[in-house]
Amino acid sequence: MDRIDLLRIFLRVAATGSFSQAADQLALPRPTVSLAVQQLEARLGARLLHRTTRKVALTLDGQALVDSASSLVDEMQDLEQRFRPQSYAVAGRLRIDVPSRVARLIVAPALPALLAQHPGLEVDLGSSDRAVDLVQEHIDCVLRVGPLADSSLVAKALGSMALINCASPAYLARQGRPQTPADLAAHQSVHYNSPTSGRPAAWAWVEGGAEHSMVLSGAVGANHVESYIACALAGLGLIQIPRYDVQAYLQSGELVEVLQGYPPPALPVHVLYLHRAQLSRRVRVFIDWIEQLLVQAGAIAPGPESSASRP
């Protein structure tokens, strides 16, 4: 076996923690897998795995090799696929990061269909509302909602995400229902604090085609969407939130939409990835898939440049 094949086998053993499982997934005899790891250790002059009768675990050298070799093997696999027919199966590990609610409500439920379509694909699904470092955290691409900060990353616009104003019935019974932005002076909001800067976002709305904003009073702030919604459900104030995020609560009556004539500005949605002369086929497949998925879920309206908006 060449060195790339040895690395592929080692990475599979490291991922599964088992020679037998790695052999099953690679469709290789177990002795072949064991021998490949031994040959790699002999080549490197380092012990890569702690072996017991029940499982294997990475040594410090083994973990260092995983960190270094994963991207190398991925790039080699991408290179091989470029010279094969387009019908060749998409395979390998895809590392993505998406906002937590998008991960839970939209992406995770749809992953079985994606993996059934591409059996050789493996997905590491990160879910966060913070900025991530694609290089340091070995992430292929991220989905981000809202204005983008300057960076060296490539951004592909997918569309825009509509937001609504809402509150719990208990809050509205206590404070009254606002009819216009002028009424907001007598209300409280749950502040959404930026996970990056920690600063609360101002209350924003569109009126007469122009965007307006003001700072509302509020006793509670949250820097995670789950907590933000939970505070609204608890009657702590008004919130501005993507409609798909709270659709179930609107249907159940646990939250009520208000100020329908003064909606918040829609937020742009992008996929960000590292600049490469040839984007890996796995990432291209994911971008097309997530774009169609978000549109079908009603989470975004496709923009004019979006492939989901074209027939």
Protein backbone atom coordinates (compact mmCIF):
# COMPACT_ATOMS: atom_id res chain seq x y z
CA MET A 1 0.00 0.00 0.00
CA ASP A 2 1.11 3.55 -0.64
CA ARG A 3 1.32 6.10 2.16
CA ILE A 4 -2.05 7.71 1.39
CA ASP A 5 -3.79 4.33 1.67
CA LEU A 6 -2.02 3.68 4.97
CA LEU A 7 -3.18 7.06 6.26
CA ARG A 8 -6.76 6.41 5.12
CA ILE A 9 -6.86 3.14 7.00
CA PHE A 10 -5.29 4.64 10.10
CA LEU A 11 -7.79 7.54 10.11
CA ARG A 12 -10.67 5.07 9.89
CA VAL A 13 -9.32 3.10 12.84
CA ALA A 14 -8.88 6.35 14.77
CA ALA A 15 -12.44 7.46 13.97
CA THR A 16 -14.07 4.15 14.94
CA GLY A 17 -11.74 3.17 17.78
CA SER A 18 -11.81 -0.37 16.43
CA PHE A 19 -9.86 -2.41 13.89
CA SER A 20 -12.93 -4.57 13.22
CA GLN A 21 -15.28 -1.64 12.57
CA ALA A 22 -12.69 0.03 10.37
CA ALA A 23 -12.28 -3.18 8.40
CA ASP A 24 -16.05 -3.52 7.95
CA GLN A 25 -16.43 0.09 6.78
CA LEU A 26 -13.48 -0.17 4.38
CA ALA A 27 -14.50 -3.64 3.14
CA LEU A 28 -11.06 -4.99 4.00
CA PRO A 29 -9.94 -8.05 6.00
CA ARG A 30 -9.16 -7.19 9.60
CA PRO A 31 -5.56 -8.46 9.34
CA THR A 32 -5.00 -6.09 6.41
CA VAL A 33 -6.14 -3.14 8.51
CA SER A 34 -3.95 -4.17 11.43
CA LEU A 35 -0.94 -4.67 9.16
CA ALA A 36 -1.47 -1.25 7.53
CA VAL A 37 -1.32 0.49 10.90
CA GLN A 38 1.80 -1.47 11.84
CA GLN A 39 3.47 -0.48 8.55
CA LEU A 40 2.57 3.17 9.13
CA GLU A 41 4.00 3.08 12.64
CA ALA A 42 7.19 1.49 11.27
CA ARG A 43 7.48 4.17 8.57
CA LEU A 44 7.05 6.99 11.09
CA GLY A 45 9.00 5.38 13.89
CA ALA A 46 6.24 6.19 16.37
CA ARG A 47 3.51 4.31 18.23
CA LEU A 48 0.16 5.69 17.07
CA LEU A 49 -2.35 3.58 19.00
CA HIS A 50 -2.77 2.07 22.44
CA ARG A 51 -4.22 -1.40 21.87
CA THR A 52 -6.32 -3.42 24.31
CA THR A 53 -8.49 -6.47 23.83
CA ARG A 54 -11.64 -4.30 23.64
CA LYS A 55 -10.64 -1.04 21.96
CA VAL A 56 -7.85 1.11 20.64
CA ALA A 57 -7.03 4.66 21.64
CA LEU A 58 -4.81 7.30 20.11
CA THR A 59 -1.41 8.08 21.55
CA LEU A 60 -0.22 11.69 21.57
CA ASP A 61 1.65 11.00 18.33
CA GLY A 62 -1.46 9.36 16.91
CA GLN A 63 -3.60 12.40 17.70
CA ALA A 64 -1.01 14.69 16.13
CA LEU A 65 -1.08 12.56 12.98
CA VAL A 66 -4.89 12.68 12.83
CA ASP A 67 -4.80 16.49 13.05
CA SER A 68 -2.23 16.72 10.25
CA ALA A 69 -3.27 13.87 7.98
CA SER A 70 -7.04 14.47 7.77
CA SER A 71 -6.77 17.47 5.45
CA LEU A 72 -4.04 15.77 3.40
CA VAL A 73 -6.17 12.68 2.75
CA ASP A 74 -9.23 14.84 2.01
CA GLU A 75 -7.29 16.89 -0.54
CA MET A 76 -5.93 13.75 -2.20
CA GLN A 77 -9.43 12.30 -2.42
CA ASP A 78 -10.72 15.56 -3.93
CA LEU A 79 -7.89 15.50 -6.46
CA GLU A 80 -8.71 11.94 -7.48
CA GLN A 81 -12.39 12.76 -7.91
CA ARG A 82 -11.69 15.68 -10.26
CA PHE A 83 -10.40 13.24 -12.86
CA ARG A 84 -13.29 10.81 -12.53
CA PRO A 85 -16.75 11.01 -14.09
CA GLN A 86 -19.16 13.40 -12.40
CA SER A 87 -21.33 10.41 -11.54
CA TYR A 88 -18.57 9.15 -9.27
CA ALA A 89 -19.91 8.98 -5.73
CA VAL A 90 -19.25 11.84 -3.34
CA ALA A 91 -17.25 10.43 -0.45
CA GLY A 92 -15.18 11.46 2.53
CA ARG A 93 -15.64 13.55 5.65
CA LEU A 94 -17.41 16.92 5.47
CA ARG A 95 -16.97 19.28 8.41
CA ILE A 96 -19.62 22.00 8.60
CA ASP A 97 -20.86 24.51 11.15
CA VAL A 98 -24.34 26.04 11.14
CA PRO A 99 -26.40 28.08 13.63
CA SER A 100 -27.75 25.91 16.44
CA ARG A 101 -31.46 26.21 15.59
CA VAL A 102 -30.83 25.59 11.90
CA ALA A 103 -28.87 22.47 12.87
CA ARG A 104 -31.59 21.11 15.13
CA LEU A 105 -34.72 22.06 13.23
CA ILE A 106 -33.64 21.82 9.60
CA VAL A 107 -30.28 20.18 8.93
CA ALA A 108 -30.26 17.20 11.32
CA PRO A 109 -33.74 15.91 10.29
CA ALA A 110 -32.71 16.05 6.61
CA LEU A 111 -29.31 14.37 6.97
CA PRO A 112 -30.62 10.79 6.54
CA ALA A 113 -31.78 11.64 3.01
CA LEU A 114 -28.43 13.28 2.16
CA LEU A 115 -26.45 10.30 3.45
CA ALA A 116 -28.73 7.85 1.65
CA GLN A 117 -28.03 9.75 -1.59
CA HIS A 118 -24.26 9.76 -0.90
CA PRO A 119 -23.45 6.63 1.18
CA GLY A 120 -19.73 7.37 1.17
CA LEU A 121 -20.19 10.79 2.75
CA GLU A 122 -19.55 11.43 6.44
CA VAL A 123 -20.70 14.63 8.15
CA ASP A 124 -19.32 16.33 11.25
CA LEU A 125 -22.12 18.74 12.18
CA GLY A 126 -21.03 21.65 14.34
CA SER A 127 -23.76 23.92 15.65
CA SER A 128 -22.92 27.29 17.13
CA ASP A 129 -23.92 30.94 17.03
CA ARG A 130 -20.32 32.16 17.27
CA ALA A 131 -17.65 32.89 14.70
CA VAL A 132 -15.47 29.86 14.04
CA ASP A 133 -11.97 29.63 12.63
CA LEU A 134 -12.16 27.35 9.60
CA VAL A 135 -8.41 26.74 9.50
CA GLN A 136 -7.77 26.15 13.20
CA GLU A 137 -10.94 24.05 13.69
CA HIS A 138 -10.57 22.10 10.42
CA ILE A 139 -14.00 23.13 9.13
CA ASP A 140 -14.85 22.97 5.42
CA CYS A 141 -17.63 25.55 5.38
CA VAL A 142 -20.04 27.42 7.62
CA LEU A 143 -23.56 28.78 7.24
CA ARG A 144 -23.99 32.27 8.65
CA VAL A 145 -27.01 34.52 9.09
CA GLY A 146 -26.64 38.30 9.21
CA PRO A 147 -24.13 40.88 7.95
CA LEU A 148 -20.66 39.49 7.32
CA ALA A 149 -17.46 40.77 8.85
CA ASP A 150 -14.49 41.37 6.59
CA SER A 151 -12.46 38.21 6.12
CA SER A 152 -10.44 36.26 3.60
CA LEU A 153 -13.21 33.67 3.30
CA VAL A 154 -15.24 33.17 0.14
CA ALA A 155 -18.93 33.98 0.67
CA LYS A 156 -21.78 32.59 -1.43
CA ALA A 157 -25.11 34.35 -0.92
CA LEU A 158 -28.04 31.94 -0.55
CA GLY A 159 -30.89 34.37 0.07
CA SER A 160 -32.53 36.28 2.90
CA MET A 161 -34.21 35.16 6.12
CA ALA A 162 -37.44 36.89 7.18
CA LEU A 163 -37.86 37.85 10.86
CA ILE A 164 -40.97 38.62 12.88
CA ASN A 165 -41.83 40.40 16.14
CA CYS A 166 -43.49 38.27 18.80
CA ALA A 167 -44.16 37.82 22.51
CA SER A 168 -45.99 35.47 24.83
CA PRO A 169 -49.72 35.91 25.58
CA ALA A 170 -48.82 36.43 29.26
CA TYR A 171 -46.52 39.35 28.42
CA LEU A 172 -49.11 40.96 26.13
CA ALA A 173 -51.83 40.57 28.75
CA ARG A 174 -49.60 42.36 31.25
CA GLN A 175 -48.11 45.08 29.03
CA GLY A 176 -50.64 45.44 26.25
CA ARG A 177 -50.19 44.78 22.54
CA PRO A 178 -48.08 47.34 20.65
CA GLN A 179 -49.76 48.70 17.53
CA THR A 180 -47.00 50.96 16.17
CA PRO A 181 -43.29 51.52 16.87
CA ALA A 182 -44.28 54.56 18.96
CA ASP A 183 -45.81 52.12 21.49
CA LEU A 184 -42.46 50.38 22.04
CA ALA A 185 -41.36 53.01 24.57
CA ALA A 186 -43.74 51.39 27.04
CA HIS A 187 -42.46 47.86 26.37
CA GLN A 188 -39.52 45.63 27.20
CA SER A 189 -37.54 43.36 24.95
CA VAL A 190 -35.39 40.36 25.61
CA HIS A 191 -31.99 41.58 24.43
CA TYR A 192 -30.10 39.35 22.03
CA ASN A 193 -26.44 39.82 22.90
CA SER A 194 -23.97 39.15 20.10
CA PRO A 195 -21.97 35.96 20.85
CA THR A 196 -18.93 37.74 19.39
CA SER A 197 -19.08 41.28 20.82
CA GLY A 198 -21.48 40.78 23.73
CA ARG A 199 -23.39 43.92 22.71
CA PRO A 200 -27.19 43.77 22.56
CA ALA A 201 -28.82 44.25 19.17
CA ALA A 202 -31.11 47.26 18.75
CA TRP A 203 -34.80 46.78 17.96
CA ALA A 204 -35.14 47.30 14.20
CA TRP A 205 -38.06 47.62 11.80
CA VAL A 206 -38.92 48.59 8.23
CA GLU A 207 -41.41 51.42 7.71
CA GLY A 208 -42.14 53.16 4.44
CA GLY A 209 -39.32 51.28 2.76
CA ALA A 210 -36.73 52.63 5.22
CA GLU A 211 -35.01 50.88 8.11
CA HIS A 212 -35.34 52.27 11.63
CA SER A 213 -33.99 51.18 15.00
CA MET A 214 -34.19 52.07 18.67
CA VAL A 215 -32.94 50.68 21.96
CA LEU A 216 -35.67 49.11 24.05
CA SER A 217 -35.48 48.64 27.78
CA GLY A 218 -35.19 45.10 29.06
CA ALA A 219 -34.10 43.26 32.17
CA VAL A 220 -32.79 40.11 30.48
CA GLY A 221 -30.28 39.41 27.71
CA ALA A 222 -29.30 36.14 26.07
CA ASN A 223 -26.46 35.20 23.72
CA HIS A 224 -27.94 31.90 22.50
CA VAL A 225 -31.10 31.56 20.42
CA GLU A 226 -32.53 28.72 22.53
CA SER A 227 -32.29 30.90 25.66
CA TYR A 228 -33.59 33.92 23.77
CA ILE A 229 -36.76 32.06 22.77
CA ALA A 230 -37.13 30.54 26.24
CA CYS A 231 -37.10 34.02 27.78
CA ALA A 232 -39.87 35.12 25.43
CA LEU A 233 -41.93 32.05 26.30
CA ALA A 234 -41.47 32.95 29.97
CA GLY A 235 -43.06 36.35 29.35
CA LEU A 236 -39.92 38.44 29.77
CA GLY A 237 -40.42 40.64 26.74
CA LEU A 238 -40.69 41.08 22.98
CA ILE A 239 -38.27 39.35 20.63
CA GLN A 240 -37.34 39.53 16.95
CA ILE A 241 -36.71 36.08 15.52
CA PRO A 242 -36.76 34.18 12.21
CA ARG A 243 -40.28 32.92 11.59
CA TYR A 244 -39.21 29.30 11.03
CA ASP A 245 -37.57 29.35 14.48
CA VAL A 246 -40.87 29.89 16.30
CA GLN A 247 -43.45 28.57 13.82
CA ALA A 248 -44.46 25.73 16.16
CA TYR A 249 -44.95 28.18 19.06
CA LEU A 250 -47.04 30.48 16.85
CA GLN A 251 -49.24 27.56 15.84
CA SER A 252 -49.68 26.41 19.44
CA GLY A 253 -50.41 29.95 20.67
CA GLU A 254 -47.43 30.01 23.03
CA LEU A 255 -46.14 33.03 21.11
CA VAL A 256 -48.10 35.71 19.26
CA GLU A 257 -46.89 37.80 16.34
CA VAL A 258 -47.16 41.57 16.83
CA LEU A 259 -46.40 44.68 14.78
CA GLN A 260 -46.96 42.76 11.55
CA GLY A 261 -46.89 46.02 9.60
CA TYR A 262 -43.43 46.88 10.94
CA PRO A 263 -41.30 43.77 10.32
CA PRO A 264 -37.59 43.59 11.15
CA PRO A 265 -35.21 43.84 8.17
CA ALA A 266 -34.55 40.46 6.58
CA LEU A 267 -31.11 38.98 7.27
CA PRO A 268 -28.74 37.84 4.51
CA VAL A 269 -27.71 34.18 4.56
CA HIS A 270 -24.32 33.03 3.27
CA VAL A 271 -22.16 29.95 3.07
CA LEU A 272 -18.50 30.73 3.84
CA TYR A 273 -15.55 28.59 2.85
CA LEU A 274 -11.80 28.85 2.37
CA HIS A 275 -10.55 30.10 -0.96
CA ARG A 276 -9.53 27.24 -3.19
CA ALA A 277 -8.85 27.14 -6.92
CA GLN A 278 -11.01 24.02 -7.08
CA LEU A 279 -13.65 23.72 -4.39
CA SER A 280 -14.02 20.14 -3.16
CA ARG A 281 -16.94 18.23 -4.58
CA ARG A 282 -18.22 17.45 -1.08
CA VAL A 283 -18.52 21.15 -0.28
CA ARG A 284 -20.17 21.92 -3.63
CA VAL A 285 -22.73 19.18 -3.00
CA PHE A 286 -23.40 20.50 0.51
CA ILE A 287 -23.85 24.10 -0.66
CA ASP A 288 -26.39 23.08 -3.29
CA TRP A 289 -28.16 20.84 -0.79
CA ILE A 290 -28.37 23.34 2.09
CA GLU A 291 -29.58 26.05 -0.28
CA GLN A 292 -32.47 23.92 -1.56
CA LEU A 293 -33.18 22.66 1.96
CA LEU A 294 -33.50 26.14 3.48
CA VAL A 295 -35.80 27.27 0.68
CA GLN A 296 -38.00 24.19 0.98
CA ALA A 297 -38.20 24.65 4.76
CA GLY A 298 -39.36 28.24 4.27
CA ALA A 299 -36.34 29.51 6.21
CA ILE A 300 -35.04 31.71 3.40
CA ALA A 301 -36.28 33.45 0.30
CA PRO A 302 -33.76 32.86 -2.49
CA GLY A 303 -32.04 35.91 -3.92
CA PRO A 304 -31.68 36.64 -7.64
CA GLU A 305 -28.21 35.02 -7.74
CA SER A 306 -29.32 31.93 -5.84
CA SER A 307 -29.45 28.66 -7.77
CA ALA A 308 -32.59 27.78 -5.77
CA SER A 309 -34.40 30.71 -7.41
CA ARG A 310 -33.73 29.43 -10.92
CA PRO A 311 -35.93 26.77 -12.57
